N, C-alpha and C. Protein backbone atom coordinates (compact mmCIF):
# COMPACT_ATOMS: atom_id res chain seq x y z
N MET A 1 147.73 -192.69 -10.00
CA MET A 1 147.85 -191.53 -10.06
C MET A 1 148.18 -191.03 -11.50
N GLY A 2 147.49 -189.96 -11.95
CA GLY A 2 147.71 -189.47 -13.31
C GLY A 2 148.86 -188.62 -13.47
N VAL A 3 149.38 -188.06 -14.62
CA VAL A 3 150.28 -187.31 -14.71
C VAL A 3 149.88 -185.97 -14.52
N GLY A 4 150.67 -185.00 -13.96
CA GLY A 4 150.30 -183.69 -13.50
C GLY A 4 151.40 -182.74 -13.90
N TRP A 5 151.14 -181.36 -14.22
CA TRP A 5 152.24 -180.44 -14.25
C TRP A 5 152.01 -179.46 -13.20
N TRP A 6 153.19 -178.74 -12.80
CA TRP A 6 153.28 -177.88 -11.82
C TRP A 6 153.23 -176.52 -12.31
N SER A 7 152.50 -175.70 -11.82
CA SER A 7 152.33 -174.33 -12.37
C SER A 7 152.48 -173.33 -10.96
N LEU A 8 152.57 -172.06 -11.19
CA LEU A 8 152.74 -171.25 -10.05
C LEU A 8 151.60 -171.38 -9.04
N GLY A 9 150.38 -171.74 -9.60
CA GLY A 9 149.18 -171.97 -8.70
C GLY A 9 149.00 -173.35 -8.19
N GLY A 10 150.05 -174.23 -8.37
CA GLY A 10 149.88 -175.55 -7.78
C GLY A 10 149.85 -176.65 -9.03
N LYS A 11 149.41 -177.82 -8.60
CA LYS A 11 149.43 -178.96 -9.65
C LYS A 11 148.09 -178.93 -10.50
N SER A 12 148.46 -179.02 -11.74
CA SER A 12 147.28 -178.99 -12.83
C SER A 12 147.37 -180.07 -13.73
N PRO A 13 146.23 -180.60 -14.32
CA PRO A 13 146.26 -181.66 -15.17
C PRO A 13 147.13 -181.36 -16.46
N ALA A 14 147.79 -182.48 -17.09
CA ALA A 14 148.60 -182.30 -18.29
C ALA A 14 147.98 -181.58 -19.46
N PRO A 15 148.57 -180.55 -20.00
CA PRO A 15 147.77 -179.93 -21.10
C PRO A 15 147.83 -180.89 -22.22
N THR A 16 146.67 -180.77 -22.78
CA THR A 16 146.36 -181.46 -24.24
C THR A 16 146.83 -180.80 -25.39
N PRO A 17 147.81 -181.08 -26.11
CA PRO A 17 148.20 -180.35 -27.34
C PRO A 17 147.17 -180.39 -28.27
N GLU A 18 146.81 -179.07 -28.94
CA GLU A 18 145.95 -178.99 -29.96
C GLU A 18 146.60 -179.23 -31.18
N PRO A 19 145.83 -179.89 -32.12
CA PRO A 19 146.48 -180.10 -33.41
C PRO A 19 146.63 -178.84 -34.15
N ILE A 20 147.78 -178.78 -34.85
CA ILE A 20 148.12 -177.57 -35.71
C ILE A 20 147.00 -177.51 -36.64
N GLU A 21 146.52 -176.17 -36.94
CA GLU A 21 145.44 -175.96 -37.99
C GLU A 21 146.05 -176.09 -39.22
N SER A 22 145.24 -176.59 -40.25
CA SER A 22 145.79 -176.79 -41.58
C SER A 22 145.58 -175.73 -42.57
N GLY A 23 145.41 -174.45 -42.03
CA GLY A 23 145.44 -173.33 -42.94
C GLY A 23 143.97 -172.98 -43.56
N GLY A 24 142.95 -173.29 -42.76
CA GLY A 24 141.62 -173.03 -43.35
C GLY A 24 141.08 -174.03 -44.08
N ASP A 25 141.76 -175.20 -44.39
CA ASP A 25 141.26 -176.27 -45.23
C ASP A 25 140.03 -176.95 -44.60
N PRO A 26 138.91 -176.92 -45.17
CA PRO A 26 137.76 -177.46 -44.30
C PRO A 26 137.72 -178.99 -44.28
N SER A 27 138.46 -179.73 -44.90
CA SER A 27 138.59 -181.23 -45.09
C SER A 27 139.13 -181.71 -43.69
N PRO A 28 138.61 -182.89 -43.29
CA PRO A 28 139.17 -183.38 -41.93
C PRO A 28 140.70 -183.54 -42.02
N GLN A 29 141.33 -183.20 -40.86
CA GLN A 29 142.79 -183.17 -40.76
C GLN A 29 143.27 -184.76 -40.47
N ASP A 30 144.38 -185.15 -40.98
CA ASP A 30 144.94 -186.52 -40.67
C ASP A 30 145.73 -186.24 -39.33
N LEU A 31 145.26 -186.80 -38.16
CA LEU A 31 145.85 -186.79 -37.13
C LEU A 31 147.23 -187.60 -36.87
N SER A 32 147.34 -188.48 -37.72
CA SER A 32 148.51 -189.44 -37.85
C SER A 32 149.70 -188.75 -38.47
N ALA A 33 149.45 -187.65 -39.16
CA ALA A 33 150.44 -187.02 -40.05
C ALA A 33 151.57 -186.45 -39.15
N PRO A 34 152.84 -186.36 -39.59
CA PRO A 34 153.92 -185.74 -39.02
C PRO A 34 153.77 -184.26 -38.81
N GLY A 35 154.13 -183.79 -37.55
CA GLY A 35 153.85 -182.38 -37.25
C GLY A 35 152.43 -181.98 -36.82
N THR A 36 151.68 -182.95 -36.58
CA THR A 36 150.22 -182.61 -36.28
C THR A 36 150.31 -181.90 -34.76
N TYR A 37 151.06 -182.37 -33.91
CA TYR A 37 151.05 -181.82 -32.45
C TYR A 37 152.30 -181.09 -32.08
N GLY A 38 153.07 -180.56 -33.15
CA GLY A 38 154.20 -179.73 -33.17
C GLY A 38 155.33 -180.09 -34.14
N PRO A 39 156.26 -179.35 -34.27
CA PRO A 39 157.29 -179.50 -35.25
C PRO A 39 158.16 -180.67 -35.00
N ASP A 40 158.33 -181.21 -33.81
CA ASP A 40 159.19 -182.42 -33.57
C ASP A 40 158.25 -183.56 -33.48
N ASP A 41 157.02 -183.56 -33.74
CA ASP A 41 156.06 -184.68 -33.89
C ASP A 41 156.30 -185.49 -35.10
N PRO A 42 156.79 -186.82 -35.06
CA PRO A 42 157.06 -187.39 -36.15
C PRO A 42 155.81 -188.25 -36.71
N GLY A 43 154.68 -187.96 -36.35
CA GLY A 43 153.44 -188.67 -36.69
C GLY A 43 153.37 -190.09 -36.20
N GLY A 44 152.19 -190.65 -36.38
CA GLY A 44 152.12 -192.02 -35.92
C GLY A 44 150.65 -192.32 -35.42
N GLY A 45 150.68 -193.12 -34.48
CA GLY A 45 149.23 -193.80 -33.94
C GLY A 45 148.42 -192.68 -33.26
N PRO A 46 147.44 -193.05 -32.60
CA PRO A 46 146.50 -192.13 -31.87
C PRO A 46 147.26 -191.59 -30.80
N TYR A 47 146.77 -190.35 -30.49
CA TYR A 47 147.29 -189.61 -29.36
C TYR A 47 146.44 -189.88 -28.19
N ASP A 48 147.17 -190.24 -27.04
CA ASP A 48 146.76 -190.43 -25.74
C ASP A 48 146.77 -189.25 -24.89
N GLU A 49 145.47 -188.64 -24.57
CA GLU A 49 145.51 -187.42 -23.93
C GLU A 49 145.90 -187.73 -22.40
N VAL A 50 145.68 -188.98 -21.97
CA VAL A 50 146.10 -189.20 -20.52
C VAL A 50 147.53 -189.20 -20.30
N THR A 51 148.29 -189.98 -21.21
CA THR A 51 149.64 -190.03 -21.11
C THR A 51 150.49 -188.83 -21.79
N GLY A 52 149.71 -188.38 -22.84
CA GLY A 52 150.43 -187.19 -23.67
C GLY A 52 151.45 -187.71 -24.80
N VAL A 53 151.20 -188.98 -25.00
CA VAL A 53 152.02 -189.61 -26.17
C VAL A 53 151.24 -190.33 -27.11
N ARG A 54 151.78 -190.63 -28.23
CA ARG A 54 151.07 -191.47 -29.11
C ARG A 54 151.11 -192.94 -28.69
N ASP A 55 150.18 -193.74 -29.19
CA ASP A 55 150.37 -195.20 -29.01
C ASP A 55 151.64 -195.72 -29.75
N TRP A 56 152.02 -195.15 -30.95
CA TRP A 56 153.11 -195.61 -31.59
C TRP A 56 153.74 -194.41 -32.47
N TYR A 57 154.98 -194.42 -32.83
CA TYR A 57 155.40 -193.25 -33.63
C TYR A 57 155.90 -193.78 -34.95
N ASN A 58 156.02 -192.93 -35.86
CA ASN A 58 156.51 -193.27 -37.34
C ASN A 58 158.19 -193.30 -37.07
N PRO A 59 158.82 -194.18 -37.86
CA PRO A 59 160.27 -194.08 -37.83
C PRO A 59 160.72 -192.83 -38.35
N THR A 60 161.93 -192.23 -37.61
CA THR A 60 162.46 -190.94 -38.10
C THR A 60 163.31 -191.33 -39.35
N PRO A 61 163.05 -190.59 -40.46
CA PRO A 61 163.93 -190.73 -41.79
C PRO A 61 165.33 -190.66 -41.33
N GLY A 62 166.17 -191.54 -42.07
CA GLY A 62 167.66 -191.58 -41.99
C GLY A 62 168.17 -192.25 -40.94
N LYS A 63 167.26 -192.83 -40.06
CA LYS A 63 167.81 -193.55 -38.85
C LYS A 63 167.63 -195.15 -39.35
N THR A 64 168.66 -195.92 -38.83
CA THR A 64 168.62 -197.37 -39.12
C THR A 64 167.82 -197.99 -37.89
N GLN A 65 166.97 -198.84 -38.35
CA GLN A 65 166.10 -199.64 -37.45
C GLN A 65 166.99 -200.65 -36.73
N VAL A 66 166.68 -201.00 -35.41
CA VAL A 66 167.55 -201.81 -34.68
C VAL A 66 167.61 -203.17 -35.28
N ASP A 67 166.79 -203.83 -35.87
CA ASP A 67 166.58 -205.04 -36.37
C ASP A 67 166.96 -205.24 -37.89
N GLU A 68 167.31 -204.03 -38.38
CA GLU A 68 167.67 -204.01 -39.89
C GLU A 68 169.02 -204.45 -40.09
N THR A 69 169.20 -205.37 -41.16
CA THR A 69 170.46 -206.00 -41.39
C THR A 69 171.36 -205.02 -42.44
N VAL A 70 172.57 -204.78 -41.99
CA VAL A 70 173.31 -203.82 -42.85
C VAL A 70 174.45 -204.63 -43.21
N ASP A 71 174.91 -204.82 -44.59
CA ASP A 71 175.99 -205.48 -44.91
C ASP A 71 177.14 -204.33 -45.15
N ARG A 72 178.23 -204.82 -44.47
CA ARG A 72 179.50 -203.71 -44.44
C ARG A 72 180.65 -204.54 -44.80
N PRO A 73 181.55 -203.99 -45.42
CA PRO A 73 182.84 -204.50 -45.77
C PRO A 73 183.69 -204.58 -44.48
N TRP A 74 184.49 -205.53 -44.34
CA TRP A 74 185.26 -205.70 -43.16
C TRP A 74 186.14 -204.46 -42.86
N THR A 75 186.51 -203.74 -43.89
CA THR A 75 187.39 -202.43 -43.57
C THR A 75 186.61 -201.47 -42.73
N ASP A 76 185.26 -201.32 -43.06
CA ASP A 76 184.20 -200.42 -42.32
C ASP A 76 184.31 -200.85 -40.85
N VAL A 77 184.33 -202.30 -40.71
CA VAL A 77 184.00 -202.64 -39.17
C VAL A 77 185.39 -202.46 -38.52
N LEU A 78 186.57 -202.85 -39.23
CA LEU A 78 187.78 -202.68 -38.46
C LEU A 78 188.28 -201.18 -38.19
N ASN A 79 187.65 -200.17 -39.01
CA ASN A 79 187.84 -198.77 -38.70
C ASN A 79 187.46 -198.63 -37.34
N HIS A 80 186.85 -199.41 -36.77
CA HIS A 80 186.24 -199.01 -35.34
C HIS A 80 187.02 -200.17 -34.34
N TRP A 81 188.19 -200.21 -34.48
CA TRP A 81 189.02 -201.16 -33.88
C TRP A 81 189.09 -200.75 -32.25
N HIS A 82 189.11 -199.49 -31.89
CA HIS A 82 188.94 -199.19 -30.53
C HIS A 82 187.73 -199.72 -29.99
N ALA A 83 186.67 -199.68 -30.58
CA ALA A 83 185.39 -200.38 -30.03
C ALA A 83 185.44 -201.87 -29.98
N ILE A 84 186.08 -202.55 -30.99
CA ILE A 84 186.35 -204.11 -30.66
C ILE A 84 187.25 -204.36 -29.54
N GLU A 85 188.23 -203.48 -29.45
CA GLU A 85 189.29 -203.71 -28.38
C GLU A 85 188.56 -203.62 -26.81
N LEU A 86 187.63 -202.67 -26.73
CA LEU A 86 186.98 -202.49 -25.62
C LEU A 86 185.90 -203.52 -25.41
N ASP A 87 185.28 -204.03 -26.37
CA ASP A 87 184.47 -205.14 -26.24
C ASP A 87 185.24 -206.49 -25.86
N LEU A 88 186.27 -206.71 -26.47
CA LEU A 88 187.16 -207.90 -26.14
C LEU A 88 187.46 -207.72 -24.80
N ASP A 89 187.98 -206.53 -24.26
CA ASP A 89 188.56 -206.32 -22.96
C ASP A 89 187.29 -206.57 -21.91
N ALA A 90 186.11 -206.00 -22.10
CA ALA A 90 184.87 -206.15 -21.35
C ALA A 90 184.52 -207.51 -21.19
N ASN A 91 184.84 -208.45 -22.07
CA ASN A 91 184.61 -209.89 -22.05
C ASN A 91 185.76 -210.63 -21.59
N GLY A 92 186.82 -210.14 -20.93
CA GLY A 92 187.93 -210.86 -20.38
C GLY A 92 188.96 -211.22 -21.38
N HIS A 93 189.00 -210.63 -22.56
CA HIS A 93 190.03 -211.13 -23.50
C HIS A 93 191.07 -209.90 -23.63
N ASP A 94 192.14 -210.05 -22.98
CA ASP A 94 193.30 -208.98 -22.99
C ASP A 94 194.16 -209.22 -24.14
N ILE A 95 193.89 -208.30 -25.20
CA ILE A 95 194.69 -208.54 -26.56
C ILE A 95 196.17 -208.15 -26.43
N GLU A 96 196.48 -207.44 -25.30
CA GLU A 96 197.89 -207.05 -25.20
C GLU A 96 198.67 -208.04 -24.55
N SER A 97 198.19 -209.19 -24.14
CA SER A 97 198.82 -210.45 -23.57
C SER A 97 199.28 -211.42 -24.73
N GLY A 98 199.12 -210.96 -26.03
CA GLY A 98 199.48 -212.10 -26.97
C GLY A 98 198.40 -212.93 -27.27
N LEU A 99 197.09 -212.76 -26.78
CA LEU A 99 195.97 -213.62 -27.05
C LEU A 99 195.74 -213.79 -28.59
N LEU A 100 195.78 -212.61 -29.33
CA LEU A 100 195.48 -212.80 -30.75
C LEU A 100 196.54 -213.54 -31.61
N ASP A 101 197.76 -213.82 -31.05
CA ASP A 101 198.69 -214.56 -31.70
C ASP A 101 198.40 -216.03 -31.44
N ALA A 102 197.50 -216.45 -30.38
CA ALA A 102 197.50 -217.63 -29.98
C ALA A 102 195.93 -218.25 -30.50
N ARG A 103 195.34 -217.38 -31.02
CA ARG A 103 193.92 -217.56 -31.49
C ARG A 103 193.83 -217.57 -33.02
N THR A 104 192.77 -218.14 -33.54
CA THR A 104 192.59 -218.34 -34.93
C THR A 104 191.86 -217.12 -35.39
N TRP A 105 191.91 -216.75 -36.61
CA TRP A 105 191.11 -215.69 -37.33
C TRP A 105 189.72 -215.89 -37.03
N ARG A 106 189.26 -217.22 -37.17
CA ARG A 106 187.85 -217.47 -37.03
C ARG A 106 187.42 -217.29 -35.57
N TRP A 107 188.08 -217.40 -34.74
CA TRP A 107 187.93 -217.13 -33.20
C TRP A 107 187.62 -215.61 -33.20
N LEU A 108 188.35 -214.80 -33.64
CA LEU A 108 188.16 -213.22 -33.56
C LEU A 108 187.15 -212.86 -34.38
N LYS A 109 186.74 -213.45 -35.66
CA LYS A 109 185.86 -213.13 -36.54
C LYS A 109 184.38 -213.40 -35.87
N LEU A 110 184.23 -214.45 -35.10
CA LEU A 110 183.06 -214.89 -34.39
C LEU A 110 182.75 -213.76 -33.33
N ARG A 111 183.74 -213.26 -32.68
CA ARG A 111 183.37 -212.31 -31.47
C ARG A 111 183.25 -211.00 -32.17
N ILE A 112 183.82 -210.52 -33.18
CA ILE A 112 183.43 -209.38 -33.82
C ILE A 112 182.09 -209.41 -34.34
N ASP A 113 181.65 -210.40 -35.11
CA ASP A 113 180.51 -210.74 -35.64
C ASP A 113 179.35 -210.50 -34.39
N HIS A 114 179.70 -211.16 -33.37
CA HIS A 114 178.85 -211.03 -32.26
C HIS A 114 178.62 -209.62 -31.61
N TYR A 115 179.79 -208.84 -31.63
CA TYR A 115 179.68 -207.45 -30.88
C TYR A 115 178.97 -206.52 -32.00
N ALA A 116 179.20 -206.82 -33.27
CA ALA A 116 178.57 -205.93 -34.19
C ALA A 116 176.98 -206.22 -34.30
N SER A 117 176.59 -207.39 -33.90
CA SER A 117 175.07 -207.65 -33.96
C SER A 117 174.50 -207.65 -32.70
N THR A 118 175.02 -207.27 -31.58
CA THR A 118 174.53 -207.18 -30.30
C THR A 118 174.36 -205.80 -29.78
N PRO A 119 172.96 -205.37 -29.76
CA PRO A 119 172.87 -203.90 -29.38
C PRO A 119 173.39 -203.64 -27.91
N GLY A 120 174.08 -202.54 -27.67
CA GLY A 120 174.64 -202.16 -26.46
C GLY A 120 176.13 -202.52 -26.26
N THR A 121 176.78 -203.15 -27.21
CA THR A 121 178.08 -203.24 -27.30
C THR A 121 178.86 -202.03 -27.86
N ASN A 122 180.00 -201.75 -27.54
CA ASN A 122 180.78 -200.65 -28.10
C ASN A 122 180.74 -200.67 -29.68
N LEU A 123 180.99 -201.79 -30.22
CA LEU A 123 181.04 -201.90 -31.71
C LEU A 123 179.71 -201.74 -32.28
N TRP A 124 178.66 -202.21 -31.83
CA TRP A 124 177.41 -202.00 -32.30
C TRP A 124 176.93 -200.62 -32.23
N ASP A 125 177.20 -199.84 -31.24
CA ASP A 125 177.01 -198.43 -30.85
C ASP A 125 177.77 -197.65 -32.02
N ALA A 126 179.18 -197.98 -32.30
CA ALA A 126 179.75 -197.33 -33.30
C ALA A 126 179.38 -197.69 -34.66
N LEU A 127 178.92 -198.67 -35.04
CA LEU A 127 178.36 -199.04 -36.23
C LEU A 127 176.82 -198.43 -36.56
N HIS A 128 176.16 -198.02 -35.50
CA HIS A 128 174.76 -197.63 -35.51
C HIS A 128 174.58 -196.19 -34.91
N PRO A 129 175.27 -195.18 -35.24
CA PRO A 129 175.43 -193.99 -34.42
C PRO A 129 173.94 -193.36 -34.46
N LYS A 130 173.18 -193.62 -35.51
CA LYS A 130 171.77 -193.09 -35.52
C LYS A 130 170.60 -193.96 -35.23
N ALA A 131 171.01 -195.04 -34.66
CA ALA A 131 169.99 -196.08 -34.27
C ALA A 131 168.79 -195.55 -33.45
N VAL A 132 167.55 -196.17 -33.51
CA VAL A 132 166.48 -195.74 -32.76
C VAL A 132 166.54 -196.60 -31.46
């Protein structure tokens, strides 16, 4: 079953966006360019008229890629202590119980490194606010 759009007259096939005209330039238009199918189109691969999306999209400028390594000083990481505390609690480590007094710095560092490098944890989300 294909994608359809509802209108007042019933279900109709998905509209195919027309490429934006280049202002009368007779040369062939680059259909992979940003903005080809609208102002929010980041550009990318071929446009699939059946699904209404491109095969792939250009990365949005200013956003950190998920697999990109970012070196941060510990002060930047520890500024998100609330996220570290939530991740520790979600994994069964109650820091109010005196746990940190009984553990080594290495124990805590390994967990913080893990939370900082695992997408979906509170710390990762706090360190990557613009992630794709």
